[in-house]
PDB file of all heavy atoms in Angstrom:
ATOM      1  N   SER A   1      21.106 -34.865  12.067  1.00  0.00           N
ATOM      2  CA  SER A   1      20.031 -34.550  13.016  1.00  0.00           C
ATOM      3  C   SER A   1      20.065 -33.102  13.494  1.00  0.00           C
ATOM      4  O   SER A   1      19.022 -32.542  13.846  1.00  0.00           O
ATOM      5  CB  SER A   1      20.117 -35.487  14.232  1.00  0.00           C
ATOM      6  OG  SER A   1      21.353 -35.303  14.916  1.00  0.00           O
ATOM      7  N   GLU A   2      21.255 -32.503  13.534  1.00  0.00           N
ATOM      8  CA  GLU A   2      21.358 -31.154  14.090  1.00  0.00           C
ATOM      9  C   GLU A   2      21.744 -30.093  13.059  1.00  0.00           C
ATOM     10  O   GLU A   2      21.217 -28.975  13.084  1.00  0.00           O
ATOM     11  CB  GLU A   2      22.393 -31.151  15.233  1.00  0.00           C
ATOM     12  CG  GLU A   2      22.022 -32.052  16.386  1.00  0.00           C
ATOM     13  CD  GLU A   2      23.040 -32.002  17.516  1.00  0.00           C
ATOM     14  OE1 GLU A   2      23.657 -30.926  17.696  1.00  0.00           O
ATOM     15  OE2 GLU A   2      23.226 -33.016  18.205  1.00  0.00           O
ATOM     16  N   LEU A   3      22.674 -30.460  12.149  1.00  0.00           N
ATOM     17  CA  LEU A   3      23.107 -29.466  11.162  1.00  0.00           C
ATOM     18  C   LEU A   3      22.100 -29.330  10.020  1.00  0.00           C
ATOM     19  O   LEU A   3      21.832 -28.215   9.563  1.00  0.00           O
ATOM     20  CB  LEU A   3      24.488 -29.842  10.610  1.00  0.00           C
ATOM     21  CG  LEU A   3      25.088 -28.851   9.596  1.00  0.00           C
ATOM     22  CD1 LEU A   3      25.307 -27.496  10.257  1.00  0.00           C
ATOM     23  CD2 LEU A   3      26.404 -29.387   9.032  1.00  0.00           C
ATOM     24  N   ASP A   4      21.547 -30.489   9.593  1.00  0.00           N
ATOM     25  CA  ASP A   4      20.596 -30.417   8.473  1.00  0.00           C
ATOM     26  C   ASP A   4      19.382 -29.527   8.764  1.00  0.00           C
ATOM     27  O   ASP A   4      18.966 -28.750   7.890  1.00  0.00           O
ATOM     28  CB  ASP A   4      20.133 -31.816   8.088  1.00  0.00           C
ATOM     29  CG  ASP A   4      21.158 -32.516   7.195  1.00  0.00           C
ATOM     30  OD1 ASP A   4      22.155 -31.859   6.804  1.00  0.00           O
ATOM     31  OD2 ASP A   4      20.960 -33.704   6.868  1.00  0.00           O
ATOM     32  N   PRO A   5      18.792 -29.594   9.971  1.00  0.00           N
ATOM     33  CA  PRO A   5      17.667 -28.684  10.252  1.00  0.00           C
ATOM     34  C   PRO A   5      18.066 -27.206  10.143  1.00  0.00           C
ATOM     35  O   PRO A   5      17.281 -26.386   9.651  1.00  0.00           O
ATOM     36  CB  PRO A   5      17.261 -29.053  11.673  1.00  0.00           C
ATOM     37  CG  PRO A   5      17.664 -30.486  11.812  1.00  0.00           C
ATOM     38  CD  PRO A   5      18.952 -30.588  11.054  1.00  0.00           C
ATOM     39  N   LEU A   6      19.290 -26.884  10.595  1.00  0.00           N
ATOM     40  CA  LEU A   6      19.756 -25.496  10.474  1.00  0.00           C
ATOM     41  C   LEU A   6      19.949 -25.114   9.006  1.00  0.00           C
ATOM     42  O   LEU A   6      19.631 -23.996   8.588  1.00  0.00           O
ATOM     43  CB  LEU A   6      21.066 -25.326  11.243  1.00  0.00           C
ATOM     44  CG  LEU A   6      20.979 -25.495  12.771  1.00  0.00           C
ATOM     45  CD1 LEU A   6      22.370 -25.363  13.399  1.00  0.00           C
ATOM     46  CD2 LEU A   6      20.026 -24.476  13.367  1.00  0.00           C
ATOM     47  N   ALA A   7      20.458 -26.097   8.223  1.00  0.00           N
ATOM     48  CA  ALA A   7      20.633 -25.840   6.791  1.00  0.00           C
ATOM     49  C   ALA A   7      19.283 -25.657   6.106  1.00  0.00           C
ATOM     50  O   ALA A   7      19.123 -24.803   5.218  1.00  0.00           O
ATOM     51  CB  ALA A   7      21.396 -26.998   6.154  1.00  0.00           C
ATOM     52  N   GLN A   8      18.309 -26.452   6.543  1.00  0.00           N
ATOM     53  CA  GLN A   8      16.981 -26.327   5.955  1.00  0.00           C
ATOM     54  C   GLN A   8      16.341 -24.971   6.306  1.00  0.00           C
ATOM     55  O   GLN A   8      15.665 -24.359   5.473  1.00  0.00           O
ATOM     56  CB  GLN A   8      16.095 -27.479   6.431  1.00  0.00           C
ATOM     57  CG  GLN A   8      16.498 -28.832   5.850  1.00  0.00           C
ATOM     58  CD  GLN A   8      15.672 -29.979   6.409  1.00  0.00           C
ATOM     59  OE1 GLN A   8      14.760 -29.782   7.197  1.00  0.00           O
ATOM     60  NE2 GLN A   8      16.004 -31.213   6.001  1.00  0.00           N
ATOM     61  N   GLN A   9      16.569 -24.528   7.549  1.00  0.00           N
ATOM     62  CA  GLN A   9      16.061 -23.202   7.924  1.00  0.00           C
ATOM     63  C   GLN A   9      16.697 -22.108   7.062  1.00  0.00           C
ATOM     64  O   GLN A   9      16.026 -21.168   6.612  1.00  0.00           O
ATOM     65  CB  GLN A   9      16.351 -22.940   9.407  1.00  0.00           C
ATOM     66  CG  GLN A   9      15.542 -23.795  10.353  1.00  0.00           C
ATOM     67  CD  GLN A   9      15.899 -23.528  11.805  1.00  0.00           C
ATOM     68  OE1 GLN A   9      16.643 -22.599  12.141  1.00  0.00           O
ATOM     69  NE2 GLN A   9      15.373 -24.371  12.702  1.00  0.00           N
ATOM     70  N   TYR A  10      17.993 -22.271   6.853  1.00  0.00           N
ATOM     71  CA  TYR A  10      18.729 -21.321   6.016  1.00  0.00           C
ATOM     72  C   TYR A  10      18.181 -21.340   4.583  1.00  0.00           C
ATOM     73  O   TYR A  10      17.885 -20.294   3.993  1.00  0.00           O
ATOM     74  CB  TYR A  10      20.212 -21.683   6.060  1.00  0.00           C
ATOM     75  CG  TYR A  10      21.124 -20.844   5.204  1.00  0.00           C
ATOM     76  CD1 TYR A  10      20.901 -19.487   4.998  1.00  0.00           C
ATOM     77  CD2 TYR A  10      22.249 -21.421   4.591  1.00  0.00           C
ATOM     78  CE1 TYR A  10      21.762 -18.731   4.215  1.00  0.00           C
ATOM     79  CE2 TYR A  10      23.109 -20.677   3.818  1.00  0.00           C
ATOM     80  CZ  TYR A  10      22.866 -19.325   3.615  1.00  0.00           C
ATOM     81  OH  TYR A  10      23.719 -18.580   2.834  1.00  0.00           O
ATOM     82  N   ASN A  11      18.009 -22.572   4.054  1.00  0.00           N
ATOM     83  CA  ASN A  11      17.470 -22.692   2.703  1.00  0.00           C
ATOM     84  C   ASN A  11      16.033 -22.162   2.616  1.00  0.00           C
ATOM     85  O   ASN A  11      15.639 -21.530   1.622  1.00  0.00           O
ATOM     86  CB  ASN A  11      17.498 -24.152   2.250  1.00  0.00           C
ATOM     87  CG  ASN A  11      18.931 -24.669   2.069  1.00  0.00           C
ATOM     88  OD1 ASN A  11      19.837 -23.901   1.809  1.00  0.00           O
ATOM     89  ND2 ASN A  11      19.117 -25.968   2.221  1.00  0.00           N
ATOM     90  N   SER A  12      15.242 -22.425   3.646  1.00  0.00           N
ATOM     91  CA  SER A  12      13.850 -21.952   3.664  1.00  0.00           C
ATOM     92  C   SER A  12      13.794 -20.426   3.689  1.00  0.00           C
ATOM     93  O   SER A  12      12.923 -19.814   3.048  1.00  0.00           O
ATOM     94  CB  SER A  12      13.115 -22.521   4.876  1.00  0.00           C
ATOM     95  OG  SER A  12      13.039 -23.940   4.793  1.00  0.00           O
ATOM     96  N   ALA A  13      14.725 -19.806   4.433  1.00  0.00           N
ATOM     97  CA  ALA A  13      14.753 -18.344   4.479  1.00  0.00           C
ATOM     98  C   ALA A  13      15.091 -17.773   3.105  1.00  0.00           C
ATOM     99  O   ALA A  13      14.486 -16.791   2.647  1.00  0.00           O
ATOM    100  CB  ALA A  13      15.776 -17.876   5.517  1.00  0.00           C
ATOM    101  N   LEU A  14      16.071 -18.418   2.437  1.00  0.00           N
ATOM    102  CA  LEU A  14      16.406 -17.979   1.082  1.00  0.00           C
ATOM    103  C   LEU A  14      15.229 -18.195   0.131  1.00  0.00           C
ATOM    104  O   LEU A  14      14.917 -17.341  -0.709  1.00  0.00           O
ATOM    105  CB  LEU A  14      17.633 -18.751   0.574  1.00  0.00           C
ATOM    106  CG  LEU A  14      18.979 -18.366   1.203  1.00  0.00           C
ATOM    107  CD1 LEU A  14      20.065 -19.358   0.762  1.00  0.00           C
ATOM    108  CD2 LEU A  14      19.382 -16.951   0.815  1.00  0.00           C
ATOM    109  N   THR A  15      14.559 -19.353   0.276  1.00  0.00           N
ATOM    110  CA  THR A  15      13.419 -19.655  -0.597  1.00  0.00           C
ATOM    111  C   THR A  15      12.277 -18.664  -0.368  1.00  0.00           C
ATOM    112  O   THR A  15      11.586 -18.278  -1.313  1.00  0.00           O
ATOM    113  CB  THR A  15      12.921 -21.087  -0.332  1.00  0.00           C
ATOM    114  OG1 THR A  15      13.992 -22.013  -0.561  1.00  0.00           O
ATOM    115  CG2 THR A  15      11.767 -21.439  -1.236  1.00  0.00           C
ATOM    116  N   ALA A  16      12.086 -18.226   0.884  1.00  0.00           N
ATOM    117  CA  ALA A  16      11.043 -17.245   1.183  1.00  0.00           C
ATOM    118  C   ALA A  16      11.341 -15.910   0.478  1.00  0.00           C
ATOM    119  O   ALA A  16      10.435 -15.251  -0.045  1.00  0.00           O
ATOM    120  CB  ALA A  16      10.927 -17.044   2.687  1.00  0.00           C
ATOM    121  N   CYS A  17      12.620 -15.537   0.478  1.00  0.00           N
ATOM    122  CA  CYS A  17      13.010 -14.306  -0.230  1.00  0.00           C
ATOM    123  C   CYS A  17      12.774 -14.432  -1.732  1.00  0.00           C
ATOM    124  O   CYS A  17      12.287 -13.504  -2.386  1.00  0.00           O
ATOM    125  CB  CYS A  17      14.477 -13.984   0.052  1.00  0.00           C
ATOM    126  SG  CYS A  17      14.816 -13.426   1.726  1.00  0.00           S
ATOM    127  N   ILE A  18      13.124 -15.621  -2.259  1.00  0.00           N
ATOM    128  CA  ILE A  18      12.912 -15.851  -3.697  1.00  0.00           C
ATOM    129  C   ILE A  18      11.417 -15.797  -4.030  1.00  0.00           C
ATOM    130  O   ILE A  18      11.013 -15.191  -5.026  1.00  0.00           O
ATOM    131  CB  ILE A  18      13.500 -17.218  -4.104  1.00  0.00           C
ATOM    132  CG1 ILE A  18      15.025 -17.196  -3.961  1.00  0.00           C
ATOM    133  CG2 ILE A  18      13.100 -17.559  -5.533  1.00  0.00           C
ATOM    134  CD1 ILE A  18      15.678 -18.549  -4.164  1.00  0.00           C
ATOM    135  N   ALA A  19      10.594 -16.421  -3.181  1.00  0.00           N
ATOM    136  CA  ALA A  19       9.145 -16.422  -3.411  1.00  0.00           C
ATOM    137  C   ALA A  19       8.586 -15.003  -3.373  1.00  0.00           C
ATOM    138  O   ALA A  19       7.698 -14.651  -4.164  1.00  0.00           O
ATOM    139  CB  ALA A  19       8.457 -17.298  -2.362  1.00  0.00           C
ATOM    140  N   LYS A  20       9.137 -14.201  -2.453  1.00  0.00           N
ATOM    141  CA  LYS A  20       8.674 -12.819  -2.360  1.00  0.00           C
ATOM    142  C   LYS A  20       8.996 -12.059  -3.644  1.00  0.00           C
ATOM    143  O   LYS A  20       8.160 -11.297  -4.183  1.00  0.00           O
ATOM    144  CB  LYS A  20       9.335 -12.154  -1.153  1.00  0.00           C
ATOM    145  CG  LYS A  20       8.654 -10.873  -0.665  1.00  0.00           C
ATOM    146  CD  LYS A  20       9.089  -9.643  -1.404  1.00  0.00           C
ATOM    147  CE  LYS A  20       8.383  -8.412  -0.902  1.00  0.00           C
ATOM    148  NZ  LYS A  20       8.673  -7.207  -1.702  1.00  0.00           N
ATOM    149  N   GLN A  21      10.183 -12.262  -4.176  1.00  0.00           N
ATOM    150  CA  GLN A  21      10.567 -11.581  -5.415  1.00  0.00           C
ATOM    151  C   GLN A  21       9.763 -12.097  -6.609  1.00  0.00           C
ATOM    152  O   GLN A  21       9.387 -11.330  -7.494  1.00  0.00           O
ATOM    153  CB  GLN A  21      12.071 -11.769  -5.663  1.00  0.00           C
ATOM    154  CG  GLN A  21      12.957 -11.105  -4.612  1.00  0.00           C
ATOM    155  CD  GLN A  21      12.689  -9.609  -4.479  1.00  0.00           C
ATOM    156  OE1 GLN A  21      12.468  -8.908  -5.463  1.00  0.00           O
ATOM    157  NE2 GLN A  21      12.704  -9.134  -3.243  1.00  0.00           N
ATOM    158  N   GLN A  22       9.495 -13.380  -6.626  1.00  0.00           N
ATOM    159  CA  GLN A  22       8.657 -13.932  -7.696  1.00  0.00           C
ATOM    160  C   GLN A  22       7.246 -13.355  -7.628  1.00  0.00           C
ATOM    161  O   GLN A  22       6.615 -13.074  -8.664  1.00  0.00           O
ATOM    162  CB  GLN A  22       8.613 -15.459  -7.599  1.00  0.00           C
ATOM    163  CG  GLN A  22       9.933 -16.117  -7.994  1.00  0.00           C
ATOM    164  CD  GLN A  22       9.906 -17.623  -7.801  1.00  0.00           C
ATOM    165  OE1 GLN A  22       9.130 -18.154  -6.992  1.00  0.00           O
ATOM    166  NE2 GLN A  22      10.763 -18.326  -8.522  1.00  0.00           N
ATOM    167  N   LYS A  23       6.757 -13.177  -6.397  1.00  0.00           N
ATOM    168  CA  LYS A  23       5.444 -12.559  -6.218  1.00  0.00           C
ATOM    169  C   LYS A  23       5.454 -11.125  -6.749  1.00  0.00           C
ATOM    170  O   LYS A  23       4.490 -10.679  -7.393  1.00  0.00           O
ATOM    171  CB  LYS A  23       5.067 -12.571  -4.733  1.00  0.00           C
ATOM    172  CG  LYS A  23       3.705 -11.987  -4.448  1.00  0.00           C
ATOM    173  CD  LYS A  23       3.395 -12.051  -2.949  1.00  0.00           C
ATOM    174  CE  LYS A  23       2.034 -11.419  -2.658  1.00  0.00           C
ATOM    175  NZ  LYS A  23       1.730 -11.461  -1.195  1.00  0.00           N
ATOM    176  N   ASP A  24       6.556 -10.417  -6.482  1.00  0.00           N
ATOM    177  CA  ASP A  24       6.674  -9.047  -6.997  1.00  0.00           C
ATOM    178  C   ASP A  24       6.700  -9.030  -8.521  1.00  0.00           C
ATOM    179  O   ASP A  24       6.114  -8.145  -9.157  1.00  0.00           O
ATOM    180  CB  ASP A  24       7.941  -8.389  -6.444  1.00  0.00           C
ATOM    181  CG  ASP A  24       7.836  -8.073  -4.959  1.00  0.00           C
ATOM    182  OD1 ASP A  24       6.714  -8.119  -4.426  1.00  0.00           O
ATOM    183  OD2 ASP A  24       8.885  -7.792  -4.339  1.00  0.00           O
ATOM    184  N   VAL A  25       7.383 -10.013  -9.108  1.00  0.00           N
ATOM    185  CA  VAL A  25       7.417 -10.104 -10.569  1.00  0.00           C
ATOM    186  C   VAL A  25       6.018 -10.326 -11.124  1.00  0.00           C
ATOM    187  O   VAL A  25       5.589  -9.669 -12.083  1.00  0.00           O
ATOM    188  CB  VAL A  25       8.358 -11.237 -11.023  1.00  0.00           C
ATOM    189  CG1 VAL A  25       8.211 -11.476 -12.522  1.00  0.00           C
ATOM    190  CG2 VAL A  25       9.808 -10.884 -10.699  1.00  0.00           C
ATOM    191  N   ASN A  26       5.291 -11.278 -10.489  1.00  0.00           N
ATOM    192  CA  ASN A  26       3.926 -11.561 -10.943  1.00  0.00           C
ATOM    193  C   ASN A  26       3.031 -10.336 -10.795  1.00  0.00           C
ATOM    194  O   ASN A  26       2.212 -10.035 -11.678  1.00  0.00           O
ATOM    195  CB  ASN A  26       3.347 -12.737 -10.159  1.00  0.00           C
ATOM    196  CG  ASN A  26       4.070 -14.040 -10.448  1.00  0.00           C
ATOM    197  OD1 ASN A  26       4.652 -14.210 -11.520  1.00  0.00           O
ATOM    198  ND2 ASN A  26       4.053 -14.960  -9.499  1.00  0.00           N
ATOM    199  N   ALA A  27       3.194  -9.630  -9.662  1.00  0.00           N
ATOM    200  CA  ALA A  27       2.377  -8.429  -9.441  1.00  0.00           C
ATOM    201  C   ALA A  27       2.703  -7.357 -10.477  1.00  0.00           C
ATOM    202  O   ALA A  27       1.806  -6.682 -10.990  1.00  0.00           O
ATOM    203  CB  ALA A  27       2.622  -7.887  -8.032  1.00  0.00           C
ATOM    204  N   ALA A  28       3.993  -7.205 -10.780  1.00  0.00           N
ATOM    205  CA  ALA A  28       4.391  -6.209 -11.773  1.00  0.00           C
ATOM    206  C   ALA A  28       3.849  -6.564 -13.161  1.00  0.00           C
ATOM    207  O   ALA A  28       3.365  -5.694 -13.894  1.00  0.00           O
ATOM    208  CB  ALA A  28       5.911  -6.088 -11.813  1.00  0.00           C
ATOM    209  N   CYS A  29       3.928  -7.862 -13.495  1.00  0.00           N
ATOM    210  CA  CYS A  29       3.398  -8.294 -14.801  1.00  0.00           C
ATOM    211  C   CYS A  29       1.891  -8.078 -14.880  1.00  0.00           C
ATOM    212  O   CYS A  29       1.359  -7.643 -15.915  1.00  0.00           O
ATOM    213  CB  CYS A  29       3.736  -9.762 -15.038  1.00  0.00           C
ATOM    214  SG  CYS A  29       5.500 -10.070 -15.288  1.00  0.00           S
ATOM    215  N   THR A  30       1.201  -8.380 -13.767  1.00  0.00           N
ATOM    216  CA  THR A  30      -0.242  -8.145 -13.734  1.00  0.00           C
ATOM    217  C   THR A  30      -0.554  -6.660 -13.875  1.00  0.00           C
ATOM    218  O   THR A  30      -1.483  -6.265 -14.589  1.00  0.00           O
ATOM    219  CB  THR A  30      -0.840  -8.680 -12.420  1.00  0.00           C
ATOM    220  OG1 THR A  30      -0.562 -10.078 -12.306  1.00  0.00           O
ATOM    221  CG2 THR A  30      -2.333  -8.442 -12.363  1.00  0.00           C
ATOM    222  N   ALA A  31       0.253  -5.831 -13.182  1.00  0.00           N
ATOM    223  CA  ALA A  31       0.049  -4.381 -13.267  1.00  0.00           C
ATOM    224  C   ALA A  31       0.314  -3.873 -14.674  1.00  0.00           C
ATOM    225  O   ALA A  31      -0.398  -3.000 -15.185  1.00  0.00           O
ATOM    226  CB  ALA A  31       0.958  -3.669 -12.268  1.00  0.00           C
ATOM    227  N   VAL A  32       1.340  -4.430 -15.319  1.00  0.00           N
ATOM    228  CA  VAL A  32       1.644  -4.025 -16.700  1.00  0.00           C
ATOM    229  C   VAL A  32       0.488  -4.388 -17.616  1.00  0.00           C
ATOM    230  O   VAL A  32       0.056  -3.587 -18.461  1.00  0.00           O
ATOM    231  CB  VAL A  32       2.948  -4.697 -17.184  1.00  0.00           C
ATOM    232  CG1 VAL A  32       3.105  -4.522 -18.694  1.00  0.00           C
ATOM    233  CG2 VAL A  32       4.138  -4.083 -16.470  1.00  0.00           C
ATOM    234  N   ALA A  33      -0.032  -5.624 -17.446  1.00  0.00           N
ATOM    235  CA  ALA A  33      -1.153  -6.053 -18.290  1.00  0.00           C
ATOM    236  C   ALA A  33      -2.368  -5.157 -18.069  1.00  0.00           C
ATOM    237  O   ALA A  33      -3.048  -4.753 -19.031  1.00  0.00           O
ATOM    238  CB  ALA A  33      -1.504  -7.507 -17.981  1.00  0.00           C
ATOM    239  N   ALA A  34      -2.644  -4.826 -16.789  1.00  0.00           N
ATOM    240  CA  ALA A  34      -3.784  -3.957 -16.492  1.00  0.00           C
ATOM    241  C   ALA A  34      -3.565  -2.559 -17.059  1.00  0.00           C
ATOM    242  O   ALA A  34      -4.492  -1.934 -17.590  1.00  0.00           O
ATOM    243  CB  ALA A  34      -4.005  -3.883 -14.980  1.00  0.00           C
ATOM    244  N   THR A  35      -2.329  -2.072 -16.939  1.00  0.00           N
ATOM    245  CA  THR A  35      -2.025  -0.738 -17.454  1.00  0.00           C
ATOM    246  C   THR A  35      -2.163  -0.699 -18.968  1.00  0.00           C
ATOM    247  O   THR A  35      -2.707   0.256 -19.535  1.00  0.00           O
ATOM    248  CB  THR A  35      -0.596  -0.332 -17.056  1.00  0.00           C
ATOM    249  OG1 THR A  35      -0.469  -0.370 -15.630  1.00  0.00           O
ATOM    250  CG2 THR A  35      -0.286   1.074 -17.542  1.00  0.00           C
ATOM    251  N   VAL A  36      -1.675  -1.744 -19.634  1.00  0.00           N
ATOM    252  CA  VAL A  36      -1.812  -1.809 -21.095  1.00  0.00           C
ATOM    253  C   VAL A  36      -3.286  -1.841 -21.489  1.00  0.00           C
ATOM    254  O   VAL A  36      -3.710  -1.149 -22.422  1.00  0.00           O
ATOM    255  CB  VAL A  36      -1.072  -3.045 -21.648  1.00  0.00           C
ATOM    256  CG1 VAL A  36      -1.396  -3.247 -23.115  1.00  0.00           C
ATOM    257  CG2 VAL A  36       0.432  -2.889 -21.454  1.00  0.00           C
ATOM    258  N   ARG A  37      -4.050  -2.653 -20.762  1.00  0.00           N
ATOM    259  CA  ARG A  37      -5.487  -2.747 -21.062  1.00  0.00           C
ATOM    260  C   ARG A  37      -6.166  -1.389 -20.853  1.00  0.00           C
ATOM    261  O   ARG A  37      -6.931  -0.925 -21.708  1.00  0.00           O
ATOM    262  CB  ARG A  37      -6.129  -3.803 -20.167  1.00  0.00           C
ATOM    263  CG  ARG A  37      -7.622  -4.010 -20.445  1.00  0.00           C
ATOM    264  CD  ARG A  37      -8.212  -5.071 -19.539  1.00  0.00           C
ATOM    265  NE  ARG A  37      -8.119  -4.702 -18.120  1.00  0.00           N
ATOM    266  CZ  ARG A  37      -7.285  -5.259 -17.264  1.00  0.00           C
ATOM    267  NH1 ARG A  37      -6.454  -6.209 -17.650  1.00  0.00           N
ATOM    268  NH2 ARG A  37      -7.260  -4.866 -15.994  1.00  0.00           N
ATOM    269  N   ASP A  38      -5.888  -0.760 -19.705  1.00  0.00           N
ATOM    270  CA  ASP A  38      -6.489   0.543 -19.427  1.00  0.00           C
ATOM    271  C   ASP A  38      -6.030   1.597 -20.440  1.00  0.00           C
ATOM    272  O   ASP A  38      -6.803   2.479 -20.820  1.00  0.00           O
ATOM    273  CB  ASP A  38      -6.127   0.997 -18.014  1.00  0.00           C
ATOM    274  CG  ASP A  38      -6.741   0.095 -16.953  1.00  0.00           C
ATOM    275  OD1 ASP A  38      -7.701  -0.641 -17.282  1.00  0.00           O
ATOM    276  OD2 ASP A  38      -6.263   0.123 -15.810  1.00  0.00           O
TER     277      ASP A  38
END
C-alpha cells in the first residue's frame, strides 16, 4: 500500500525518460527521412 506507489512513481519517472528518448529517436528518424528526401 505504501512502498509500491513509491516504486511505481520511480518506475513512471524512468518510463517518462525512456519515452522522451524514444520520441527523440523518432524525431531524428523523421528528420533524416525529410533530409534525404530534400
